[in-house]
């Protein structure tokens, strides 16, 4: 039985429309993640912090994700270095969720 596009589902007290949930699953099916999507498997509990910059066009990895690590950089295949200590997120899933859902 299909679910209407406007139906709301609850993931960790975050209301996400069914349309977005389907898009998230579609994005996941079209990409490979070496961490097997551990960031979002528990209702986005493990999502790294990001900041939308450049008028919301770019997603920056928040330094609090990695500043205490020995490597001083994100442990993610989608972290694109920019300059000395800035990393931009190129993960299609994380970018979608940040831009469309504000998470």
N, C-alpha and C. Protein backbone atom coordinates (compact mmCIF):
# COMPACT_ATOMS: atom_id res chain seq x y z
N UNK A 1 0.84 -1.17 0.00
CA UNK A 1 0.00 0.00 0.00
C UNK A 1 0.89 1.24 0.00
N UNK A 2 0.68 2.15 -0.91
CA UNK A 2 1.52 3.34 -1.03
C UNK A 2 1.20 4.37 0.03
N UNK A 3 2.19 5.20 0.30
CA UNK A 3 2.04 6.28 1.27
C UNK A 3 1.98 7.58 0.49
N UNK A 4 1.05 8.45 0.86
CA UNK A 4 0.93 9.71 0.13
C UNK A 4 2.16 10.58 0.31
N UNK A 5 2.44 11.39 -0.68
CA UNK A 5 3.63 12.22 -0.72
C UNK A 5 3.70 13.19 0.45
N UNK A 6 2.57 13.63 0.96
CA UNK A 6 2.56 14.61 2.02
C UNK A 6 2.66 14.03 3.43
N UNK A 7 2.65 12.71 3.55
CA UNK A 7 2.68 12.10 4.87
C UNK A 7 3.98 12.42 5.59
N UNK A 8 3.90 12.62 6.88
CA UNK A 8 5.06 12.96 7.70
C UNK A 8 5.51 11.73 8.48
N UNK A 9 6.83 11.49 8.51
CA UNK A 9 7.38 10.44 9.34
C UNK A 9 8.28 11.08 10.38
N UNK A 10 8.44 10.46 11.52
CA UNK A 10 9.21 11.03 12.60
C UNK A 10 10.52 10.27 12.75
N UNK A 11 11.64 10.97 12.59
CA UNK A 11 12.95 10.41 12.83
C UNK A 11 13.60 11.24 13.92
N UNK A 12 13.69 10.70 15.14
CA UNK A 12 14.28 11.41 16.26
C UNK A 12 13.66 12.78 16.49
N UNK A 13 12.37 12.84 16.51
CA UNK A 13 11.64 14.08 16.71
C UNK A 13 11.83 15.08 15.57
N UNK A 14 12.37 14.64 14.47
CA UNK A 14 12.51 15.49 13.30
C UNK A 14 11.44 15.07 12.32
N UNK A 15 10.58 15.99 11.96
CA UNK A 15 9.50 15.68 11.04
C UNK A 15 10.03 15.75 9.60
N UNK A 16 9.97 14.64 8.90
CA UNK A 16 10.47 14.59 7.54
C UNK A 16 9.35 14.08 6.64
N UNK A 17 9.04 14.85 5.61
CA UNK A 17 7.99 14.44 4.69
C UNK A 17 8.43 13.18 3.95
N UNK A 18 7.46 12.37 3.63
CA UNK A 18 7.73 11.11 2.93
C UNK A 18 8.50 11.35 1.63
N UNK A 19 8.22 12.45 0.96
CA UNK A 19 8.92 12.80 -0.28
C UNK A 19 10.44 12.89 -0.04
N UNK A 20 10.83 13.53 1.07
CA UNK A 20 12.26 13.65 1.39
C UNK A 20 12.85 12.29 1.78
N UNK A 21 12.07 11.51 2.49
CA UNK A 21 12.55 10.18 2.88
C UNK A 21 12.83 9.33 1.63
N UNK A 22 11.95 9.39 0.65
CA UNK A 22 12.16 8.65 -0.60
C UNK A 22 13.40 9.17 -1.34
N UNK A 23 13.58 10.48 -1.35
CA UNK A 23 14.75 11.05 -2.02
C UNK A 23 16.04 10.63 -1.33
N UNK A 24 16.03 10.57 -0.02
CA UNK A 24 17.19 10.12 0.75
C UNK A 24 17.54 8.69 0.38
N UNK A 25 16.54 7.83 0.30
CA UNK A 25 16.78 6.43 -0.08
C UNK A 25 17.28 6.33 -1.52
N UNK A 26 16.77 7.18 -2.39
CA UNK A 26 17.23 7.19 -3.78
C UNK A 26 18.70 7.60 -3.86
N UNK A 27 19.06 8.63 -3.13
CA UNK A 27 20.46 9.08 -3.11
C UNK A 27 21.36 7.97 -2.58
N UNK A 28 20.96 7.34 -1.49
CA UNK A 28 21.76 6.25 -0.92
C UNK A 28 21.95 5.11 -1.91
N UNK A 29 20.92 4.82 -2.70
CA UNK A 29 21.01 3.71 -3.64
C UNK A 29 21.95 4.02 -4.81
N UNK A 30 22.25 5.28 -5.02
CA UNK A 30 23.08 5.68 -6.15
C UNK A 30 24.52 6.00 -5.78
N UNK A 31 24.89 5.76 -4.54
CA UNK A 31 26.25 6.08 -4.12
C UNK A 31 26.84 4.97 -3.25
N UNK A 32 28.13 5.02 -3.08
CA UNK A 32 28.82 4.08 -2.21
C UNK A 32 29.42 4.86 -1.05
N UNK A 33 29.28 4.32 0.13
CA UNK A 33 29.82 4.94 1.33
C UNK A 33 30.66 3.90 2.05
N UNK A 34 31.91 4.23 2.28
CA UNK A 34 32.80 3.25 2.94
C UNK A 34 32.42 3.01 4.39
N UNK A 35 31.60 3.90 4.95
CA UNK A 35 31.14 3.72 6.33
C UNK A 35 29.72 3.14 6.39
N UNK A 36 29.22 2.70 5.25
CA UNK A 36 27.91 2.07 5.15
C UNK A 36 26.79 2.94 5.74
N UNK A 37 26.87 4.24 5.49
CA UNK A 37 25.85 5.21 5.89
C UNK A 37 25.60 5.23 7.40
N UNK A 38 26.63 4.98 8.18
CA UNK A 38 26.46 4.98 9.63
C UNK A 38 25.99 6.34 10.15
N UNK A 39 26.24 7.39 9.39
CA UNK A 39 25.84 8.73 9.82
C UNK A 39 24.33 8.89 9.91
N UNK A 40 23.59 8.16 9.10
CA UNK A 40 22.14 8.37 9.09
C UNK A 40 21.33 7.12 9.39
N UNK A 41 21.97 6.02 9.69
CA UNK A 41 21.22 4.79 9.92
C UNK A 41 20.36 4.81 11.18
N UNK A 42 20.67 5.67 12.12
CA UNK A 42 19.89 5.75 13.35
C UNK A 42 19.13 7.07 13.43
N UNK A 43 18.42 7.38 12.38
CA UNK A 43 17.63 8.59 12.39
C UNK A 43 18.45 9.86 12.46
N UNK A 44 19.58 9.87 11.81
CA UNK A 44 20.47 11.04 11.72
C UNK A 44 21.18 11.36 13.03
N UNK A 45 21.22 10.44 13.98
CA UNK A 45 21.92 10.68 15.24
C UNK A 45 23.42 10.89 15.03
N UNK A 46 23.99 10.23 14.06
CA UNK A 46 25.43 10.28 13.87
C UNK A 46 25.87 11.28 12.79
N UNK A 47 24.95 12.07 12.30
CA UNK A 47 25.32 13.03 11.26
C UNK A 47 26.35 14.01 11.79
N UNK A 48 27.38 14.24 11.00
CA UNK A 48 28.39 15.23 11.37
C UNK A 48 27.77 16.62 11.25
N UNK A 49 28.33 17.54 12.00
CA UNK A 49 27.85 18.92 11.94
C UNK A 49 28.38 19.56 10.67
N UNK A 50 27.55 20.39 10.07
CA UNK A 50 27.96 21.13 8.88
C UNK A 50 27.45 22.57 8.99
N UNK A 51 28.03 23.41 8.16
CA UNK A 51 27.59 24.80 8.06
C UNK A 51 27.31 25.09 6.60
N UNK A 52 26.18 25.71 6.33
CA UNK A 52 25.90 26.16 4.97
C UNK A 52 26.59 27.50 4.79
N UNK A 53 27.39 27.62 3.74
CA UNK A 53 28.13 28.84 3.47
C UNK A 53 27.88 29.27 2.02
N UNK A 54 28.38 30.44 1.67
CA UNK A 54 28.21 30.98 0.32
C UNK A 54 26.74 31.04 -0.07
N UNK A 55 25.96 31.59 0.81
CA UNK A 55 24.53 31.73 0.52
C UNK A 55 23.80 30.41 0.44
N UNK A 56 24.30 29.39 1.14
CA UNK A 56 23.67 28.07 1.13
C UNK A 56 24.06 27.19 -0.02
N UNK A 57 25.00 27.64 -0.83
CA UNK A 57 25.41 26.85 -2.00
C UNK A 57 26.46 25.79 -1.66
N UNK A 58 27.22 26.01 -0.59
CA UNK A 58 28.27 25.06 -0.21
C UNK A 58 28.01 24.55 1.20
N UNK A 59 28.42 23.31 1.44
CA UNK A 59 28.28 22.70 2.75
C UNK A 59 29.69 22.50 3.31
N UNK A 60 29.97 23.18 4.41
CA UNK A 60 31.29 23.12 5.04
C UNK A 60 31.23 22.14 6.21
N UNK A 61 32.23 21.28 6.32
CA UNK A 61 32.34 20.39 7.48
C UNK A 61 32.67 21.25 8.69
N UNK A 62 31.89 21.15 9.75
CA UNK A 62 32.13 21.94 10.95
C UNK A 62 33.42 21.46 11.62
N UNK A 63 34.33 22.38 11.96
CA UNK A 63 35.60 21.98 12.58
C UNK A 63 35.44 21.18 13.87
N UNK A 64 34.31 21.32 14.56
CA UNK A 64 34.13 20.56 15.80
C UNK A 64 34.08 19.06 15.55
N UNK A 65 33.86 18.66 14.29
CA UNK A 65 33.84 17.23 13.96
C UNK A 65 35.21 16.60 14.03
N UNK A 66 36.26 17.38 13.84
CA UNK A 66 37.59 16.79 13.71
C UNK A 66 38.70 17.55 14.41
N UNK A 67 38.43 18.68 15.05
CA UNK A 67 39.50 19.48 15.62
C UNK A 67 40.25 18.77 16.74
N UNK A 68 39.60 17.82 17.42
CA UNK A 68 40.27 17.08 18.48
C UNK A 68 40.93 15.80 17.99
N UNK A 69 40.76 15.47 16.72
CA UNK A 69 41.37 14.26 16.19
C UNK A 69 42.85 14.49 15.94
N UNK A 70 43.60 13.43 15.98
CA UNK A 70 45.04 13.53 15.75
C UNK A 70 45.35 14.05 14.35
N UNK A 71 44.57 13.63 13.38
CA UNK A 71 44.81 14.01 11.99
C UNK A 71 44.36 15.45 11.69
N UNK A 72 43.51 16.02 12.52
CA UNK A 72 42.97 17.37 12.31
C UNK A 72 42.24 17.52 10.98
N UNK A 73 41.58 16.44 10.57
CA UNK A 73 40.78 16.47 9.36
C UNK A 73 39.68 15.42 9.47
N UNK A 74 38.61 15.61 8.74
CA UNK A 74 37.51 14.65 8.80
C UNK A 74 37.93 13.27 8.27
N UNK A 75 37.38 12.24 8.88
CA UNK A 75 37.62 10.88 8.42
C UNK A 75 36.45 10.48 7.52
N UNK A 76 36.43 11.11 6.34
CA UNK A 76 35.32 10.88 5.42
C UNK A 76 35.81 11.02 3.99
N UNK A 77 35.40 10.12 3.16
CA UNK A 77 35.82 10.14 1.75
C UNK A 77 35.27 11.34 1.00
N UNK A 78 34.26 11.99 1.54
CA UNK A 78 33.61 13.10 0.86
C UNK A 78 34.08 14.47 1.35
N UNK A 79 35.04 14.51 2.26
CA UNK A 79 35.57 15.78 2.76
C UNK A 79 36.62 16.30 1.78
N UNK A 80 36.34 17.44 1.18
CA UNK A 80 37.22 18.04 0.19
C UNK A 80 37.99 19.18 0.85
N UNK A 81 39.33 19.05 0.94
CA UNK A 81 40.10 20.12 1.59
C UNK A 81 40.08 21.40 0.77
N UNK A 82 40.03 22.51 1.49
CA UNK A 82 40.07 23.82 0.87
C UNK A 82 40.92 24.70 1.79
N UNK A 83 42.09 25.06 1.34
CA UNK A 83 42.99 25.85 2.17
C UNK A 83 43.63 25.00 3.26
N UNK A 84 43.97 25.63 4.36
CA UNK A 84 44.72 24.95 5.43
C UNK A 84 43.86 24.09 6.33
N UNK A 85 42.69 24.58 6.72
CA UNK A 85 41.92 23.84 7.71
C UNK A 85 40.42 23.76 7.41
N UNK A 86 40.03 24.13 6.22
CA UNK A 86 38.61 24.08 5.85
C UNK A 86 38.36 22.87 4.95
N UNK A 87 37.24 22.22 5.18
CA UNK A 87 36.84 21.08 4.36
C UNK A 87 35.39 21.29 3.94
N UNK A 88 35.13 21.05 2.67
CA UNK A 88 33.77 21.11 2.18
C UNK A 88 33.25 19.69 2.00
N UNK A 89 31.97 19.53 2.27
CA UNK A 89 31.32 18.23 2.16
C UNK A 89 30.81 18.04 0.73
N UNK A 90 31.22 16.95 0.11
CA UNK A 90 30.76 16.64 -1.24
C UNK A 90 29.84 15.42 -1.25
N UNK A 91 29.44 14.97 -0.08
CA UNK A 91 28.56 13.81 0.02
C UNK A 91 27.16 14.21 -0.47
N UNK A 92 26.66 13.55 -1.50
CA UNK A 92 25.33 13.90 -2.01
C UNK A 92 24.23 13.79 -0.95
N UNK A 93 24.33 12.80 -0.09
CA UNK A 93 23.31 12.60 0.94
C UNK A 93 23.37 13.70 1.99
N UNK A 94 24.57 13.97 2.51
CA UNK A 94 24.71 14.99 3.56
C UNK A 94 24.35 16.37 3.02
N UNK A 95 24.73 16.63 1.78
CA UNK A 95 24.42 17.91 1.16
C UNK A 95 22.91 18.08 1.00
N UNK A 96 22.23 17.04 0.56
CA UNK A 96 20.78 17.10 0.39
C UNK A 96 20.10 17.39 1.73
N UNK A 97 20.47 16.64 2.75
CA UNK A 97 19.82 16.79 4.05
C UNK A 97 20.10 18.18 4.64
N UNK A 98 21.31 18.68 4.46
CA UNK A 98 21.64 20.02 4.99
C UNK A 98 20.84 21.09 4.27
N UNK A 99 20.78 21.01 2.96
CA UNK A 99 20.13 22.06 2.18
C UNK A 99 18.61 21.98 2.22
N UNK A 100 18.07 20.78 2.16
CA UNK A 100 16.61 20.64 2.07
C UNK A 100 15.91 20.54 3.42
N UNK A 101 16.61 19.94 4.41
CA UNK A 101 15.97 19.73 5.71
C UNK A 101 16.56 20.55 6.83
N UNK A 102 17.68 21.21 6.56
CA UNK A 102 18.31 22.04 7.59
C UNK A 102 18.90 21.25 8.73
N UNK A 103 19.25 19.99 8.48
CA UNK A 103 19.81 19.12 9.53
C UNK A 103 21.30 19.02 9.31
